[in-house]
Every structure is written in structure tokens, then in C-alpha cells.
Amino acid sequence: MESGPAIFTGMVFCLFGAGLLAWTVTRARHRRPVALGVSRVASVTVAGSVAVVSLALGAWCFTRL
């Protein structure tokens, strides 16, 4: 992968993952719903998993430089 697109893609994945993780943790600490109409445990689990996978994909993109 060329370095320009790898840096851009890695940054997008990392920013999205960090933002989603911060938002999920903040909502869970305030005992507010992460997703409306879904169990709190299930929504925190799914959102947290997506955030971690996104951060991992961002890190993988940075290793392709």
C-alpha cells in the first residue's frame, strides 16, 4: 500500500475507533442508553467491539507503511 493512502486510512480508522470508544464509555458511565431500543449490555458490547476492531484496523494500516 502506498504511504499516503495508508496514513489517511489508518487515521480515519483510529479517529473513528477512539471517538466511538470514548462516546460508548461516556454513555455507559452516565447510565444512558448507547442505542435506543436495545439492551444496555448488548449495545455496549457491540459498540465496544466495533471500536476495538476499528482501532486494530487503523494500527494494521500503519504497519503497512
PDB file of N, CA and C in Angstrom:
ATOM      1  N   MET A   1       0.846  -1.170   0.000  1.00  0.00           N
ATOM      2  CA  MET A   1       0.000   0.000   0.000  1.00  0.00           C
ATOM      3  C   MET A   1       0.895   1.237   0.000  1.00  0.00           C
ATOM      4  N   GLU A   2       0.539   2.225  -0.764  1.00  0.00           N
ATOM      5  CA  GLU A   2       1.315   3.456  -0.781  1.00  0.00           C
ATOM      6  C   GLU A   2       1.175   4.175   0.559  1.00  0.00           C
ATOM      7  N   SER A   3       2.160   4.974   0.912  1.00  0.00           N
ATOM      8  CA  SER A   3       2.158   5.578   2.244  1.00  0.00           C
ATOM      9  C   SER A   3       1.056   6.622   2.425  1.00  0.00           C
ATOM     10  N   GLY A   4       0.720   7.388   1.414  1.00  0.00           N
ATOM     11  CA  GLY A   4      -0.321   8.407   1.546  1.00  0.00           C
ATOM     12  C   GLY A   4      -1.680   7.832   1.892  1.00  0.00           C
ATOM     13  N   PRO A   5      -2.193   6.898   1.085  1.00  0.00           N
ATOM     14  CA  PRO A   5      -3.480   6.298   1.407  1.00  0.00           C
ATOM     15  C   PRO A   5      -3.454   5.487   2.711  1.00  0.00           C
ATOM     16  N   ALA A   6      -2.328   4.866   3.024  1.00  0.00           N
ATOM     17  CA  ALA A   6      -2.244   4.085   4.263  1.00  0.00           C
ATOM     18  C   ALA A   6      -2.331   5.001   5.474  1.00  0.00           C
ATOM     19  N   ILE A   7      -1.685   6.157   5.410  1.00  0.00           N
ATOM     20  CA  ILE A   7      -1.743   7.103   6.523  1.00  0.00           C
ATOM     21  C   ILE A   7      -3.160   7.643   6.676  1.00  0.00           C
ATOM     22  N   PHE A   8      -3.784   8.025   5.568  1.00  0.00           N
ATOM     23  CA  PHE A   8      -5.145   8.551   5.625  1.00  0.00           C
ATOM     24  C   PHE A   8      -6.118   7.504   6.170  1.00  0.00           C
ATOM     25  N   THR A   9      -6.054   6.294   5.646  1.00  0.00           N
ATOM     26  CA  THR A   9      -6.959   5.235   6.087  1.00  0.00           C
ATOM     27  C   THR A   9      -6.725   4.881   7.542  1.00  0.00           C
ATOM     28  N   GLY A  10      -5.471   4.789   7.940  1.00  0.00           N
ATOM     29  CA  GLY A  10      -5.157   4.497   9.339  1.00  0.00           C
ATOM     30  C   GLY A  10      -5.677   5.566  10.277  1.00  0.00           C
ATOM     31  N   MET A  11      -5.552   6.828   9.885  1.00  0.00           N
ATOM     32  CA  MET A  11      -6.046   7.920  10.720  1.00  0.00           C
ATOM     33  C   MET A  11      -7.567   7.896  10.817  1.00  0.00           C
ATOM     34  N   VAL A  12      -8.240   7.608   9.712  1.00  0.00           N
ATOM     35  CA  VAL A  12      -9.704   7.551   9.740  1.00  0.00           C
ATOM     36  C   VAL A  12     -10.169   6.443  10.667  1.00  0.00           C
ATOM     37  N   PHE A  13      -9.602   5.262  10.540  1.00  0.00           N
ATOM     38  CA  PHE A  13      -9.983   4.151  11.414  1.00  0.00           C
ATOM     39  C   PHE A  13      -9.678   4.463  12.873  1.00  0.00           C
ATOM     40  N   CYS A  14      -8.510   5.020  13.154  1.00  0.00           N
ATOM     41  CA  CYS A  14      -8.134   5.318  14.542  1.00  0.00           C
ATOM     42  C   CYS A  14      -9.005   6.411  15.144  1.00  0.00           C
ATOM     43  N   LEU A  15      -9.287   7.459  14.394  1.00  0.00           N
ATOM     44  CA  LEU A  15     -10.147   8.523  14.915  1.00  0.00           C
ATOM     45  C   LEU A  15     -11.568   8.030  15.150  1.00  0.00           C
ATOM     46  N   PHE A  16     -12.092   7.243  14.218  1.00  0.00           N
ATOM     47  CA  PHE A  16     -13.433   6.699  14.404  1.00  0.00           C
ATOM     48  C   PHE A  16     -13.478   5.770  15.615  1.00  0.00           C
ATOM     49  N   GLY A  17     -12.501   4.876  15.727  1.00  0.00           N
ATOM     50  CA  GLY A  17     -12.472   3.943  16.844  1.00  0.00           C
ATOM     51  C   GLY A  17     -12.326   4.641  18.179  1.00  0.00           C
ATOM     52  N   ALA A  18     -11.447   5.634  18.252  1.00  0.00           N
ATOM     53  CA  ALA A  18     -11.254   6.363  19.507  1.00  0.00           C
ATOM     54  C   ALA A  18     -12.502   7.165  19.869  1.00  0.00           C
ATOM     55  N   GLY A  19     -13.117   7.796  18.883  1.00  0.00           N
ATOM     56  CA  GLY A  19     -14.335   8.559  19.144  1.00  0.00           C
ATOM     57  C   GLY A  19     -15.484   7.672  19.598  1.00  0.00           C
ATOM     58  N   LEU A  20     -15.663   6.551  18.923  1.00  0.00           N
ATOM     59  CA  LEU A  20     -16.730   5.628  19.290  1.00  0.00           C
ATOM     60  C   LEU A  20     -16.493   5.043  20.674  1.00  0.00           C
ATOM     61  N   LEU A  21     -15.256   4.700  20.979  1.00  0.00           N
ATOM     62  CA  LEU A  21     -14.945   4.148  22.300  1.00  0.00           C
ATOM     63  C   LEU A  21     -15.177   5.182  23.393  1.00  0.00           C
ATOM     64  N   ALA A  22     -14.753   6.420  23.173  1.00  0.00           N
ATOM     65  CA  ALA A  22     -14.961   7.474  24.166  1.00  0.00           C
ATOM     66  C   ALA A  22     -16.453   7.743  24.372  1.00  0.00           C
ATOM     67  N   TRP A  23     -17.214   7.775  23.277  1.00  0.00           N
ATOM     68  CA  TRP A  23     -18.645   8.017  23.373  1.00  0.00           C
ATOM     69  C   TRP A  23     -19.351   6.884  24.107  1.00  0.00           C
ATOM     70  N   THR A  24     -18.970   5.653  23.807  1.00  0.00           N
ATOM     71  CA  THR A  24     -19.582   4.493  24.453  1.00  0.00           C
ATOM     72  C   THR A  24     -19.291   4.477  25.945  1.00  0.00           C
ATOM     73  N   VAL A  25     -18.050   4.735  26.315  1.00  0.00           N
ATOM     74  CA  VAL A  25     -17.675   4.741  27.737  1.00  0.00           C
ATOM     75  C   VAL A  25     -18.407   5.861  28.468  1.00  0.00           C
ATOM     76  N   THR A  26     -18.489   7.030  27.859  1.00  0.00           N
ATOM     77  CA  THR A  26     -19.184   8.155  28.491  1.00  0.00           C
ATOM     78  C   THR A  26     -20.659   7.836  28.693  1.00  0.00           C
ATOM     79  N   ARG A  27     -21.305   7.293  27.676  1.00  0.00           N
ATOM     80  CA  ARG A  27     -22.726   6.945  27.801  1.00  0.00           C
ATOM     81  C   ARG A  27     -22.937   5.855  28.853  1.00  0.00           C
ATOM     82  N   ALA A  28     -22.050   4.871  28.895  1.00  0.00           N
ATOM     83  CA  ALA A  28     -22.203   3.774  29.856  1.00  0.00           C
ATOM     84  C   ALA A  28     -21.986   4.262  31.290  1.00  0.00           C
ATOM     85  N   ARG A  29     -21.024   5.156  31.491  1.00  0.00           N
ATOM     86  CA  ARG A  29     -20.772   5.675  32.851  1.00  0.00           C
ATOM     87  C   ARG A  29     -21.931   6.503  33.370  1.00  0.00           C
ATOM     88  N   HIS A  30     -22.620   7.208  32.505  1.00  0.00           N
ATOM     89  CA  HIS A  30     -23.756   8.027  32.918  1.00  0.00           C
ATOM     90  C   HIS A  30     -25.058   7.229  32.932  1.00  0.00           C
ATOM     91  N   ARG A  31     -24.957   5.935  32.697  1.00  0.00           N
ATOM     92  CA  ARG A  31     -26.109   5.032  32.666  1.00  0.00           C
ATOM     93  C   ARG A  31     -27.166   5.481  31.651  1.00  0.00           C
ATOM     94  N   ARG A  32     -26.705   5.976  30.518  1.00  0.00           N
ATOM     95  CA  ARG A  32     -27.582   6.391  29.436  1.00  0.00           C
ATOM     96  C   ARG A  32     -27.518   5.326  28.345  1.00  0.00           C
ATOM     97  N   PRO A  33     -28.548   5.195  27.542  1.00  0.00           N
ATOM     98  CA  PRO A  33     -28.530   4.161  26.502  1.00  0.00           C
ATOM     99  C   PRO A  33     -27.509   4.471  25.403  1.00  0.00           C
ATOM    100  N   VAL A  34     -26.822   3.445  24.970  1.00  0.00           N
ATOM    101  CA  VAL A  34     -25.880   3.593  23.862  1.00  0.00           C
ATOM    102  C   VAL A  34     -26.646   3.501  22.547  1.00  0.00           C
ATOM    103  N   ALA A  35     -27.629   2.633  22.493  1.00  0.00           N
ATOM    104  CA  ALA A  35     -28.509   2.507  21.326  1.00  0.00           C
ATOM    105  C   ALA A  35     -29.942   2.379  21.834  1.00  0.00           C
ATOM    106  N   LEU A  36     -30.839   3.121  21.246  1.00  0.00           N
ATOM    107  CA  LEU A  36     -32.222   3.095  21.707  1.00  0.00           C
ATOM    108  C   LEU A  36     -32.904   1.791  21.303  1.00  0.00           C
ATOM    109  N   GLY A  37     -33.654   1.245  22.234  1.00  0.00           N
ATOM    110  CA  GLY A  37     -34.424   0.041  21.959  1.00  0.00           C
ATOM    111  C   GLY A  37     -33.634  -1.252  22.032  1.00  0.00           C
ATOM    112  N   VAL A  38     -32.403  -1.185  22.545  1.00  0.00           N
ATOM    113  CA  VAL A  38     -31.550  -2.373  22.627  1.00  0.00           C
ATOM    114  C   VAL A  38     -31.077  -2.506  24.067  1.00  0.00           C
ATOM    115  N   SER A  39     -30.848  -3.711  24.500  1.00  0.00           N
ATOM    116  CA  SER A  39     -30.316  -3.949  25.844  1.00  0.00           C
ATOM    117  C   SER A  39     -29.015  -3.172  26.048  1.00  0.00           C
ATOM    118  N   ARG A  40     -28.859  -2.605  27.239  1.00  0.00           N
ATOM    119  CA  ARG A  40     -27.669  -1.802  27.521  1.00  0.00           C
ATOM    120  C   ARG A  40     -26.387  -2.632  27.395  1.00  0.00           C
ATOM    121  N   VAL A  41     -26.417  -3.848  27.911  1.00  0.00           N
ATOM    122  CA  VAL A  41     -25.229  -4.706  27.842  1.00  0.00           C
ATOM    123  C   VAL A  41     -24.886  -5.058  26.397  1.00  0.00           C
ATOM    124  N   ALA A  42     -25.897  -5.395  25.622  1.00  0.00           N
ATOM    125  CA  ALA A  42     -25.654  -5.754  24.221  1.00  0.00           C
ATOM    126  C   ALA A  42     -25.126  -4.569  23.420  1.00  0.00           C
ATOM    127  N   SER A  43     -25.705  -3.394  23.630  1.00  0.00           N
ATOM    128  CA  SER A  43     -25.269  -2.239  22.851  1.00  0.00           C
ATOM    129  C   SER A  43     -23.855  -1.800  23.231  1.00  0.00           C
ATOM    130  N   VAL A  44     -23.516  -1.864  24.513  1.00  0.00           N
ATOM    131  CA  VAL A  44     -22.145  -1.520  24.936  1.00  0.00           C
ATOM    132  C   VAL A  44     -21.157  -2.539  24.383  1.00  0.00           C
ATOM    133  N   THR A  45     -21.527  -3.801  24.386  1.00  0.00           N
ATOM    134  CA  THR A  45     -20.650  -4.848  23.877  1.00  0.00           C
ATOM    135  C   THR A  45     -20.396  -4.678  22.378  1.00  0.00           C
ATOM    136  N   VAL A  46     -21.441  -4.465  21.622  1.00  0.00           N
ATOM    137  CA  VAL A  46     -21.287  -4.327  20.171  1.00  0.00           C
ATOM    138  C   VAL A  46     -20.519  -3.052  19.827  1.00  0.00           C
ATOM    139  N   ALA A  47     -20.872  -1.937  20.450  1.00  0.00           N
ATOM    140  CA  ALA A  47     -20.184  -0.682  20.159  1.00  0.00           C
ATOM    141  C   ALA A  47     -18.716  -0.751  20.578  1.00  0.00           C
ATOM    142  N   GLY A  48     -18.448  -1.356  21.724  1.00  0.00           N
ATOM    143  CA  GLY A  48     -17.058  -1.508  22.164  1.00  0.00           C
ATOM    144  C   GLY A  48     -16.262  -2.408  21.237  1.00  0.00           C
ATOM    145  N   SER A  49     -16.883  -3.469  20.776  1.00  0.00           N
ATOM    146  CA  SER A  49     -16.198  -4.381  19.854  1.00  0.00           C
ATOM    147  C   SER A  49     -15.892  -3.698  18.520  1.00  0.00           C
ATOM    148  N   VAL A  50     -16.834  -2.945  18.005  1.00  0.00           N
ATOM    149  CA  VAL A  50     -16.611  -2.226  16.749  1.00  0.00           C
ATOM    150  C   VAL A  50     -15.494  -1.200  16.917  1.00  0.00           C
ATOM    151  N   ALA A  51     -15.456  -0.532  18.061  1.00  0.00           N
ATOM    152  CA  ALA A  51     -14.402   0.457  18.317  1.00  0.00           C
ATOM    153  C   ALA A  51     -13.032  -0.204  18.382  1.00  0.00           C
ATOM    154  N   VAL A  52     -12.929  -1.330  19.056  1.00  0.00           N
ATOM    155  CA  VAL A  52     -11.643  -2.016  19.170  1.00  0.00           C
ATOM    156  C   VAL A  52     -11.190  -2.553  17.810  1.00  0.00           C
ATOM    157  N   VAL A  53     -12.116  -3.099  17.036  1.00  0.00           N
ATOM    158  CA  VAL A  53     -11.768  -3.590  15.701  1.00  0.00           C
ATOM    159  C   VAL A  53     -11.312  -2.441  14.814  1.00  0.00           C
ATOM    160  N   SER A  54     -11.976  -1.305  14.920  1.00  0.00           N
ATOM    161  CA  SER A  54     -11.580  -0.140  14.128  1.00  0.00           C
ATOM    162  C   SER A  54     -10.181   0.340  14.518  1.00  0.00           C
ATOM    163  N   LEU A  55      -9.882   0.369  15.805  1.00  0.00           N
ATOM    164  CA  LEU A  55      -8.542   0.754  16.248  1.00  0.00           C
ATOM    165  C   LEU A  55      -7.495  -0.250  15.755  1.00  0.00           C
ATOM    166  N   ALA A  56      -7.838  -1.535  15.775  1.00  0.00           N
ATOM    167  CA  ALA A  56      -6.908  -2.557  15.296  1.00  0.00           C
ATOM    168  C   ALA A  56      -6.667  -2.409  13.790  1.00  0.00           C
ATOM    169  N   LEU A  57      -7.711  -2.121  13.020  1.00  0.00           N
ATOM    170  CA  LEU A  57      -7.542  -1.906  11.584  1.00  0.00           C
ATOM    171  C   LEU A  57      -6.678  -0.675  11.309  1.00  0.00           C
ATOM    172  N   GLY A  58      -6.856   0.368  12.098  1.00  0.00           N
ATOM    173  CA  GLY A  58      -6.022   1.550  11.955  1.00  0.00           C
ATOM    174  C   GLY A  58      -4.565   1.244  12.236  1.00  0.00           C
ATOM    175  N   ALA A  59      -4.310   0.473  13.293  1.00  0.00           N
ATOM    176  CA  ALA A  59      -2.936   0.084  13.616  1.00  0.00           C
ATOM    177  C   ALA A  59      -2.349  -0.796  12.504  1.00  0.00           C
ATOM    178  N   TRP A  60      -3.171  -1.687  11.944  1.00  0.00           N
ATOM    179  CA  TRP A  60      -2.699  -2.533  10.854  1.00  0.00           C
ATOM    180  C   TRP A  60      -2.317  -1.694   9.634  1.00  0.00           C
ATOM    181  N   CYS A  61      -3.124  -0.670   9.345  1.00  0.00           N
ATOM    182  CA  CYS A  61      -2.805   0.211   8.220  1.00  0.00           C
ATOM    183  C   CYS A  61      -1.470   0.920   8.431  1.00  0.00           C
ATOM    184  N   PHE A  62      -1.189   1.307   9.670  1.00  0.00           N
ATOM    185  CA  PHE A  62       0.073   1.980   9.949  1.00  0.00           C
ATOM    186  C   PHE A  62       1.264   1.024   9.827  1.00  0.00           C
ATOM    187  N   THR A  63       1.045  -0.269  10.021  1.00  0.00           N
ATOM    188  CA  THR A  63       2.157  -1.218   9.852  1.00  0.00           C
ATOM    189  C   THR A  63       2.462  -1.469   8.379  1.00  0.00           C
ATOM    190  N   ARG A  64       1.564  -1.069   7.485  1.00  0.00           N
ATOM    191  CA  ARG A  64       1.765  -1.271   6.049  1.00  0.00           C
ATOM    192  C   ARG A  64       2.599  -0.163   5.410  1.00  0.00           C
ATOM    193  N   LEU A  65       3.087   0.780   6.178  1.00  0.00           N
ATOM    194  CA  LEU A  65       3.851   1.902   5.600  1.00  0.00           C
ATOM    195  C   LEU A  65       5.195   1.463   5.086  1.00  0.00           C
TER     196      LEU A  65
END
